[in-house]
Amino acid sequence: MATSNTTHGIHHVTAIAGSAQRNLDFYTRILGLRLVKKTVNFDDPGAYHFYYGDEAGSPGTILTFFPWEHAAEGRAGAGELQETSFRIPQSAIGYWTARLVNHRLERTSRFGETVLTFRDPDGQRLALVGVPGIEAEPAWNNGEVPVENAIRGFHSVSLMLDKTEATGAILTDVFGFREVAKEGNTTRYQVEGTSIGGIVDLQAVGGFLPARLGRGSVHHLAFRAADDAAEMEMVRKLAANHGLRTTEQKNRDYFRSVYFREPGHVLFEIATDIPGFAVDEPADQLGAALKLPAFLEGHRQQIEATLPVLA
C-alpha cells in the first residue's frame, strides 16, 4: 500500500499527571510550551487531556497528559518509557540550569551531548539536550521563556526494557529507524533526516522490577505515519514480520491511531500526521477553548461541570 510521504519519527508522548492546574502551569510557564489543545480523555471524559507543543502542534513536539487528580504514584522499572528529552540550543544550557535548579536538576553527558535531567512536579523524568546550531529554528515565545532559549521539539525518548533486540527490530523494520550508536547498556536508534523527534534510546535493564503505571509515568509512545495508507502499511508489517496485532483504527479527531504492546511491554501507538490540531479551531487560537469530540458534544454542560476549574 503506497504513500506519497515516508514521514517517520516520534509523533507524541502521553503521560499521567496529578493536578491539572499544576501540570498546566509547569509546562506552559516553566518550560514555555504552547498549550495546543485542551480537550478530554475520550475514554474518561471526566478528565482533561492537555496537549503541549510548538506553535503549530507539529508532530515530534507534542507531550500530552491525562491529569488524574488522585492518581497513585507510578514506579520506575522495566517496560516503560523512562525519560522524555527535548532539544534546546547549546547556548541555552546556562539559562535552563538556573531556571530548573529547584526541579532535581542534574547535568550529565550522553553520546557526546550535554544533557540536563530534571523532574516535573509529578516526578515525570525529563531532559533537555543541548544541540549546536539550532538557534535559528522557529520556536514558540509565550513571554515566559525568551525565544532564543526556547525548546525546539523532542530530542529523544529512552525506554527501559528487559531485552531490547525485538523492540529494536520493530524500530528499524516498521518505523524507519536505524541503529547508530551504543553507550554502556543503551543502544541509540535514529531516523535519518529527522531532526525533531528522530531518536529512540533502548536501555537494557534485565532483572529490574517491572514498571507500575501511575502519576509521573508515561502512558504510551506514538510514532508518526504520514496518512492512513502509511499507517496500514505499518500495521501490515507488524503482523507479517513480527507477529503483532494492533487495535482497530481509532479517530482521535487530530490524528487517527492504532495501538499495540511492543515486545518489552511498552504501549506503542501509530498516529497519522493528518488532520492536525487546527482542524477544530484557528491556528492562532489553539488551546483557547475546551474542545470535545462530536460524540461528547451533547454532554458538554455536564462535562464542564465535572472538570477541575482552571485559572
Protein backbone atom coordinates (compact mmCIF):
# COMPACT_ATOMS: atom_id res chain seq x y z
CA MET A 1 0.00 0.00 0.00
CA ALA A 2 1.89 3.03 -1.22
CA THR A 3 2.00 6.51 0.24
CA SER A 4 3.49 9.67 -1.17
CA ASN A 5 5.13 10.63 2.13
CA THR A 6 7.52 8.47 4.16
CA THR A 7 7.48 10.59 7.31
CA HIS A 8 8.96 8.82 10.35
CA GLY A 9 9.84 9.58 13.94
CA ILE A 10 8.04 10.30 17.21
CA HIS A 11 4.56 11.78 16.91
CA HIS A 12 3.78 12.36 20.61
CA VAL A 13 4.29 11.10 24.14
CA THR A 14 1.35 10.76 26.54
CA ALA A 15 1.85 10.73 30.32
CA ILE A 16 -0.12 10.76 33.57
CA ALA A 17 -0.23 13.76 35.89
CA GLY A 18 -1.98 14.71 39.12
CA SER A 19 -3.27 18.27 39.47
CA ALA A 20 -4.44 19.72 36.15
CA GLN A 21 -3.61 23.30 37.17
CA ARG A 22 -0.14 22.41 38.40
CA ASN A 23 0.56 20.50 35.19
CA LEU A 24 -0.67 23.38 33.04
CA ASP A 25 1.44 25.93 34.93
CA PHE A 26 4.63 23.88 34.76
CA TYR A 27 4.54 23.06 31.05
CA THR A 28 3.34 26.43 29.78
CA ARG A 29 5.10 28.74 32.24
CA ILE A 30 8.25 26.94 33.43
CA LEU A 31 9.03 25.02 30.21
CA GLY A 32 7.40 27.60 27.91
CA LEU A 33 5.50 25.13 25.71
CA ARG A 34 2.28 26.10 23.98
CA LEU A 35 -0.99 24.54 25.10
CA VAL A 36 -2.12 23.49 21.63
CA LYS A 37 -5.24 21.59 22.64
CA LYS A 38 -7.48 21.44 25.70
CA THR A 39 -9.85 18.53 25.41
CA VAL A 40 -10.86 15.50 27.49
CA ASN A 41 -9.79 11.90 27.68
CA PHE A 42 -12.11 10.36 25.07
CA ASP A 43 -12.37 7.20 27.22
CA ASP A 44 -12.76 9.12 30.52
CA PRO A 45 -14.41 12.48 29.76
CA GLY A 46 -14.33 13.48 33.42
CA ALA A 47 -10.60 14.17 33.00
CA TYR A 48 -8.79 16.68 30.81
CA HIS A 49 -6.40 15.77 28.04
CA PHE A 50 -3.79 18.51 27.56
CA TYR A 51 -1.52 18.69 24.51
CA TYR A 52 1.64 20.81 24.71
CA GLY A 53 3.98 21.54 21.81
CA ASP A 54 5.32 24.12 19.42
CA GLU A 55 3.28 26.94 17.88
CA ALA A 56 1.52 24.68 15.35
CA GLY A 57 1.40 21.50 17.42
CA SER A 58 3.76 19.79 14.96
CA PRO A 59 4.37 16.04 15.20
CA GLY A 60 7.60 15.48 17.11
CA THR A 61 6.90 18.30 19.57
CA ILE A 62 3.79 17.06 21.38
CA LEU A 63 3.78 15.97 25.02
CA THR A 64 0.28 15.19 26.27
CA PHE A 65 -1.16 14.48 29.72
CA PHE A 66 -4.10 12.84 31.40
CA PRO A 67 -4.32 14.80 34.68
CA TRP A 68 -5.99 12.45 37.18
CA GLU A 69 -6.12 14.34 40.47
CA HIS A 70 -5.99 11.28 42.71
CA ALA A 71 -3.74 9.01 40.64
CA ALA A 72 -1.32 6.92 42.67
CA GLU A 73 2.38 7.49 42.07
CA GLY A 74 3.95 5.33 39.37
CA ARG A 75 7.01 3.16 39.91
CA ALA A 76 10.00 3.23 37.59
CA GLY A 77 11.10 -0.10 36.17
CA ALA A 78 11.42 -2.29 33.13
CA GLY A 79 8.80 -1.99 30.41
CA GLU A 80 8.30 1.76 30.33
CA LEU A 81 9.31 4.95 28.58
CA GLN A 82 11.70 6.17 31.25
CA GLU A 83 12.63 9.67 30.06
CA THR A 84 11.46 12.23 27.50
CA SER A 85 14.12 14.63 26.19
CA PHE A 86 13.66 17.99 24.47
CA ARG A 87 16.04 19.86 22.16
CA ILE A 88 17.39 23.25 23.24
CA PRO A 89 20.15 25.38 21.72
CA GLN A 90 23.55 24.51 23.20
CA SER A 91 23.84 28.20 24.10
CA ALA A 92 20.77 27.89 26.37
CA ILE A 93 22.30 25.33 28.78
CA GLY A 94 23.20 28.05 31.30
CA TYR A 95 19.75 29.62 31.15
CA TRP A 96 18.00 26.30 31.81
CA THR A 97 20.46 25.27 34.51
CA ALA A 98 19.44 28.34 36.50
CA ARG A 99 15.74 28.05 35.66
CA LEU A 100 15.37 24.40 36.71
CA VAL A 101 17.65 24.40 39.76
CA ASN A 102 14.69 23.56 42.05
CA HIS A 103 13.47 20.62 39.93
CA ARG A 104 16.00 17.89 40.86
CA LEU A 105 18.31 19.09 38.13
CA GLU A 106 21.44 17.16 37.18
CA ARG A 107 23.92 17.84 34.41
CA THR A 108 25.43 14.92 32.54
CA SER A 109 26.70 13.86 29.11
CA ARG A 110 25.36 11.16 26.77
CA PHE A 111 26.52 10.24 23.30
CA GLY A 112 28.75 13.33 23.37
CA GLU A 113 25.86 15.72 24.12
CA THR A 114 25.25 17.93 27.15
CA VAL A 115 22.11 16.77 28.98
CA LEU A 116 20.15 18.40 31.81
CA THR A 117 17.89 15.89 33.58
CA PHE A 118 15.08 17.03 35.87
CA ARG A 119 11.60 16.15 37.13
CA ASP A 120 8.23 17.79 36.73
CA PRO A 121 6.02 18.30 39.83
CA ASP A 122 4.61 14.76 39.50
CA GLY A 123 8.02 13.13 39.20
CA GLN A 124 7.95 12.77 35.41
CA ARG A 125 11.51 12.20 34.16
CA LEU A 126 12.50 14.82 31.60
CA ALA A 127 15.69 16.08 29.99
CA LEU A 128 16.97 18.95 27.89
CA VAL A 129 19.70 18.19 25.36
CA GLY A 130 21.93 20.97 24.08
CA VAL A 131 22.12 20.92 20.28
CA PRO A 132 24.57 23.22 18.48
CA GLY A 133 23.37 25.35 15.58
CA ILE A 134 19.59 25.29 16.14
CA GLU A 135 19.27 28.86 17.38
CA ALA A 136 17.66 29.95 14.09
CA GLU A 137 14.96 27.26 14.21
CA PRO A 138 11.47 28.67 14.88
CA ALA A 139 10.30 28.48 18.48
CA TRP A 140 7.18 29.35 20.45
CA ASN A 141 7.52 32.50 22.51
CA ASN A 142 4.82 32.91 25.14
CA GLY A 143 6.65 35.55 27.13
CA GLU A 144 7.79 33.16 29.86
CA VAL A 145 10.89 31.77 28.13
CA PRO A 146 12.90 34.03 25.78
CA VAL A 147 12.69 32.74 22.23
CA GLU A 148 16.48 32.29 21.95
CA ASN A 149 16.35 29.76 24.83
CA ALA A 150 13.06 28.06 23.94
CA ILE A 151 12.54 24.32 23.47
CA ARG A 152 12.64 23.10 19.86
CA GLY A 153 10.64 19.87 19.94
CA PHE A 154 11.66 16.40 21.07
CA HIS A 155 15.25 15.25 21.01
CA SER A 156 14.61 11.64 22.02
CA VAL A 157 12.89 9.19 24.31
CA SER A 158 14.54 6.50 26.42
CA LEU A 159 12.89 3.12 27.02
CA MET A 160 13.88 0.78 29.85
CA LEU A 161 13.42 -2.80 28.68
CA ASP A 162 14.32 -6.22 29.98
CA LYS A 163 15.64 -7.07 26.50
CA THR A 164 15.97 -4.70 23.55
CA GLU A 165 16.54 -6.80 20.42
CA ALA A 166 12.91 -7.43 19.41
CA THR A 167 11.95 -3.80 20.04
CA GLY A 168 14.93 -2.61 18.02
CA ALA A 169 13.83 -4.83 15.13
CA ILE A 170 10.42 -3.10 15.09
CA LEU A 171 12.02 0.35 15.19
CA THR A 172 14.15 -0.46 12.15
CA ASP A 173 11.72 -2.54 10.10
CA VAL A 174 8.44 -0.71 10.77
CA PHE A 175 9.26 2.82 11.92
CA GLY A 176 12.23 3.79 9.75
CA PHE A 177 14.94 3.99 12.42
CA ARG A 178 18.43 2.53 12.23
CA GLU A 179 20.93 1.66 14.94
CA VAL A 180 23.56 4.42 15.08
CA ALA A 181 25.46 4.11 18.39
CA LYS A 182 25.92 2.24 21.67
CA GLU A 183 26.91 3.59 25.08
CA GLY A 184 27.01 1.22 28.04
CA ASN A 185 23.74 -0.73 28.10
CA THR A 186 21.98 1.79 25.82
CA THR A 187 21.51 1.42 22.06
CA ARG A 188 20.57 4.53 20.07
CA TYR A 189 18.25 4.35 17.07
CA GLN A 190 17.74 7.32 14.78
CA VAL A 191 15.70 8.30 11.72
CA GLU A 192 17.95 9.74 9.05
CA GLY A 193 16.96 13.28 8.11
CA THR A 194 14.52 13.73 11.01
CA SER A 195 15.94 16.24 13.47
CA ILE A 196 12.84 16.67 15.66
CA GLY A 197 11.69 13.52 17.41
CA GLY A 198 14.08 11.34 15.47
CA ILE A 199 15.86 9.40 18.24
CA VAL A 200 14.86 6.45 20.43
CA ASP A 201 17.28 5.04 23.03
CA LEU A 202 16.74 1.47 24.23
CA GLN A 203 18.24 0.72 27.63
CA ALA A 204 18.66 -2.98 28.53
CA VAL A 205 17.92 -3.45 32.25
CA GLY A 206 17.43 -7.20 32.62
CA GLY A 207 16.39 -8.16 36.15
CA PHE A 208 14.69 -4.86 37.08
CA LEU A 209 11.24 -4.91 38.65
CA PRO A 210 8.51 -4.14 36.10
CA ALA A 211 7.27 -0.56 35.96
CA ARG A 212 3.96 0.33 37.57
CA LEU A 213 1.82 2.87 35.73
CA GLY A 214 0.74 5.93 37.71
CA ARG A 215 1.28 9.63 38.33
CA GLY A 216 4.60 10.65 36.77
CA SER A 217 4.60 7.70 34.34
CA VAL A 218 4.36 7.68 30.56
CA HIS A 219 1.17 6.03 29.34
CA HIS A 220 2.23 5.47 25.72
CA LEU A 221 4.60 6.47 22.93
CA ALA A 222 3.23 7.38 19.49
CA PHE A 223 5.11 7.11 16.19
CA ARG A 224 4.32 9.07 13.05
CA ALA A 225 2.52 7.85 9.97
CA ALA A 226 2.01 10.38 7.18
CA ASP A 227 -1.55 9.23 6.45
CA ASP A 228 -3.91 6.26 6.65
CA ALA A 229 -2.12 4.35 3.91
CA ALA A 230 1.24 4.66 5.67
CA GLU A 231 -0.35 3.59 8.95
CA MET A 232 -1.95 0.50 7.40
CA GLU A 233 1.38 -0.47 5.85
CA MET A 234 2.95 -0.35 9.32
CA VAL A 235 0.10 -2.47 10.67
CA ARG A 236 0.72 -5.00 7.90
CA LYS A 237 4.46 -5.16 8.65
CA LEU A 238 3.84 -5.64 12.37
CA ALA A 239 1.63 -8.63 11.69
CA ALA A 240 3.60 -10.18 8.84
CA ASN A 241 7.15 -9.68 10.17
CA HIS A 242 6.71 -9.53 13.96
CA GLY A 243 3.51 -11.43 14.75
CA LEU A 244 1.93 -8.39 16.42
CA ARG A 245 -1.68 -7.29 16.03
CA THR A 246 -2.88 -3.76 16.60
CA THR A 247 -6.24 -2.42 17.73
CA GLU A 248 -8.72 -1.21 15.14
CA GLN A 249 -8.12 2.35 13.97
CA LYS A 250 -9.48 4.95 16.40
CA ASN A 251 -10.39 8.51 15.46
CA ARG A 252 -8.74 10.92 17.92
CA ASP A 253 -10.00 13.98 15.97
CA TYR A 254 -6.46 15.39 15.46
CA PHE A 255 -4.98 12.11 14.20
CA ARG A 256 -6.09 8.53 13.61
CA SER A 257 -4.46 5.84 15.70
CA VAL A 258 -3.83 2.18 16.27
CA TYR A 259 -2.22 0.71 19.41
CA PHE A 260 -0.18 -2.36 20.35
CA ARG A 261 2.18 -3.63 23.06
CA GLU A 262 5.73 -3.95 21.80
CA PRO A 263 7.77 -6.96 23.00
CA GLY A 264 9.13 -5.06 26.02
CA HIS A 265 5.54 -4.27 27.14
CA VAL A 266 5.56 -0.52 26.37
CA LEU A 267 2.29 0.64 24.80
CA PHE A 268 3.03 1.92 21.30
CA GLU A 269 0.68 3.96 19.13
CA ILE A 270 0.87 4.77 15.44
CA ALA A 271 -0.68 8.20 14.80
CA THR A 272 -1.30 9.92 11.47
CA ASP A 273 0.11 13.40 10.87
CA ILE A 274 -3.29 14.39 9.49
CA PRO A 275 -5.56 16.26 10.05
CA GLY A 276 -3.63 18.13 12.78
CA PHE A 277 -4.66 20.43 15.63
CA ALA A 278 -6.11 23.30 13.59
CA VAL A 279 -9.00 21.12 12.40
CA ASP A 280 -11.43 22.49 15.02
CA GLU A 281 -10.05 25.94 15.95
CA PRO A 282 -7.91 28.57 14.20
CA ALA A 283 -4.14 28.11 14.43
CA ASP A 284 -3.74 31.39 16.30
CA GLN A 285 -6.27 30.28 18.94
CA LEU A 286 -5.04 26.74 19.62
CA GLY A 287 -5.73 25.64 23.18
CA ALA A 288 -8.02 28.56 23.98
CA ALA A 289 -11.33 26.69 24.29
CA LEU A 290 -12.36 23.29 25.59
CA LYS A 291 -12.80 21.11 22.50
CA LEU A 292 -14.91 17.96 22.62
CA PRO A 293 -15.31 15.14 20.10
CA ALA A 294 -18.66 15.07 18.32
CA PHE A 295 -19.90 12.08 20.32
CA LEU A 296 -19.46 14.02 23.59
CA GLU A 297 -20.64 17.46 22.46
CA GLY A 298 -24.19 16.77 23.65
CA HIS A 299 -22.82 16.24 27.17
CA ARG A 300 -20.77 19.47 27.25
CA GLN A 301 -22.61 21.07 30.17
CA GLN A 302 -22.20 18.00 32.38
CA ILE A 303 -18.55 17.55 31.37
CA GLU A 304 -17.65 21.18 32.02
CA ALA A 305 -19.28 20.98 35.45
CA THR A 306 -17.20 17.90 36.30
CA LEU A 307 -13.78 19.08 35.14
CA PRO A 308 -11.48 20.99 37.51
CA VAL A 309 -11.68 24.77 37.15
CA LEU A 310 -8.52 26.24 35.60
CA ALA A 311 -7.14 29.67 36.40
